[in-house]
C-alpha atoms as a PDB file:
ATOM      1  CA  MET A   1     204.654   9.700  34.496  1.00  0.00           C
ATOM      2  CA  GLU A   2     206.585  12.963  35.591  1.00  0.00           C
ATOM      3  CA  SER A   3     207.684  10.978  38.992  1.00  0.00           C
ATOM      4  CA  GLU A   4     208.980   7.927  36.650  1.00  0.00           C
ATOM      5  CA  ALA A   5     211.177  10.392  34.180  1.00  0.00           C
ATOM      6  CA  LYS A   6     212.622  11.895  37.605  1.00  0.00           C
ATOM      7  CA  ILE A   7     213.772   8.295  38.986  1.00  0.00           C
ATOM      8  CA  ILE A   8     214.552   7.040  35.637  1.00  0.00           C
ATOM      9  CA  ILE A   9     216.917  10.490  35.016  1.00  0.00           C
ATOM     10  CA  ALA A  10     218.150  10.500  38.228  1.00  0.00           C
ATOM     11  CA  PHE A  11     219.169   6.810  37.531  1.00  0.00           C
ATOM     12  CA  LEU A  12     221.488   7.349  34.967  1.00  0.00           C
ATOM     13  CA  PHE A  13     223.126  10.159  36.042  1.00  0.00           C
ATOM     14  CA  ASN A  14     224.004   8.188  39.369  1.00  0.00           C
ATOM     15  CA  ARG A  15     225.036   5.033  37.367  1.00  0.00           C
ATOM     16  CA  SER A  16     227.101   7.194  34.810  1.00  0.00           C
ATOM     17  CA  GLY A  17     228.901   9.065  37.664  1.00  0.00           C
ATOM     18  CA  LYS A  18     228.788  12.132  35.891  1.00  0.00           C
ATOM     19  CA  THR A  19     226.757  15.931  36.007  1.00  0.00           C
ATOM     20  CA  GLN A  20     226.608  16.676  32.667  1.00  0.00           C
ATOM     21  CA  LEU A  21     225.337  13.565  29.560  1.00  0.00           C
ATOM     22  CA  THR A  22     224.951  14.357  25.983  1.00  0.00           C
ATOM     23  CA  GLU A  23     221.334  13.098  24.499  1.00  0.00           C
ATOM     24  CA  SER A  24     222.725   9.671  23.689  1.00  0.00           C
ATOM     25  CA  GLU A  25     224.923   8.760  27.132  1.00  0.00           C
ATOM     26  CA  ILE A  26     220.978   9.064  27.949  1.00  0.00           C
ATOM     27  CA  TYR A  27     218.599   7.532  25.357  1.00  0.00           C
ATOM     28  CA  LEU A  28     221.778   4.228  24.389  1.00  0.00           C
ATOM     29  CA  PRO A  29     222.040   2.564  28.025  1.00  0.00           C
ATOM     30  CA  LEU A  30     218.024   2.801  28.180  1.00  0.00           C
ATOM     31  CA  SER A  31     218.024   1.098  24.281  1.00  0.00           C
ATOM     32  CA  MET A  32     220.958  -1.114  24.271  1.00  0.00           C
ATOM     33  CA  GLU A  33     222.255  -1.785  27.674  1.00  0.00           C
ATOM     34  CA  LEU A  34     219.638  -2.035  30.348  1.00  0.00           C
ATOM     35  CA  GLY A  35     216.833  -2.986  27.014  1.00  0.00           C
ATOM     36  CA  TRP A  36     213.968  -0.943  29.123  1.00  0.00           C
ATOM     37  CA  LEU A  37     212.915   1.291  26.016  1.00  0.00           C
ATOM     38  CA  SER A  38     213.666   0.501  22.218  1.00  0.00           C
ATOM     39  CA  THR A  39     216.001   3.207  20.737  1.00  0.00           C
ATOM     40  CA  THR A  40     212.388   5.600  19.390  1.00  0.00           C
ATOM     41  CA  GLU A  41     211.305   5.194  22.534  1.00  0.00           C
ATOM     42  CA  SER A  42     214.254   6.249  24.711  1.00  0.00           C
ATOM     43  CA  GLN A  43     214.765   9.151  21.917  1.00  0.00           C
ATOM     44  CA  GLU A  44     211.182  10.411  22.974  1.00  0.00           C
ATOM     45  CA  PHE A  45     211.881   9.553  26.477  1.00  0.00           C
ATOM     46  CA  VAL A  46     214.884  12.703  25.975  1.00  0.00           C
ATOM     47  CA  LYS A  47     212.547  14.574  24.441  1.00  0.00           C
ATOM     48  CA  TYR A  48     210.087  14.927  26.762  1.00  0.00           C
ATOM     49  CA  ALA A  49     212.590  14.778  29.493  1.00  0.00           C
ATOM     50  CA  ILE A  50     213.567  18.590  28.162  1.00  0.00           C
ATOM     51  CA  LYS A  51     209.968  19.702  27.100  1.00  0.00           C
ATOM     52  CA  GLN A  52     208.968  18.867  30.767  1.00  0.00           C
ATOM     53  CA  GLY A  53     211.632  20.670  31.662  1.00  0.00           C
ATOM     54  CA  LEU A  54     213.471  17.830  34.047  1.00  0.00           C
ATOM     55  CA  LEU A  55     216.540  17.920  32.077  1.00  0.00           C
ATOM     56  CA  VAL A  56     217.873  21.477  30.377  1.00  0.00           C
ATOM     57  CA  LYS A  57     220.901  21.920  27.961  1.00  0.00           C
ATOM     58  CA  LYS A  58     223.154  23.621  28.803  1.00  0.00           C
ATOM     59  CA  GLU A  59     227.131  24.116  27.160  1.00  0.00           C
ATOM     60  CA  GLY A  60     226.428  21.018  24.903  1.00  0.00           C
ATOM     61  CA  GLY A  61     225.605  18.825  27.243  1.00  0.00           C
ATOM     62  CA  LEU A  62     221.961  17.891  29.598  1.00  0.00           C
ATOM     63  CA  TYR A  63     221.751  18.381  33.317  1.00  0.00           C
ATOM     64  CA  PRO A  64     219.224  17.137  35.063  1.00  0.00           C
ATOM     65  CA  ASN A  65     217.064  20.588  36.376  1.00  0.00           C
ATOM     66  CA  PHE A  66     215.408  18.816  39.590  1.00  0.00           C
END
């Protein structure tokens, strides 16, 4: 699952063109724009990514840690 999570995170950051995203800028595209996950599932994905160290919280935003 970790490699798929990295791919999803990299896709979202590349898509946005930003180096920092808020939690909602990660979970809303997954659920509302792309329709890949439900809102609850995408919020759980963000929590999972933080817990696994794939995303790091700094200065009010999230950054990829890979």
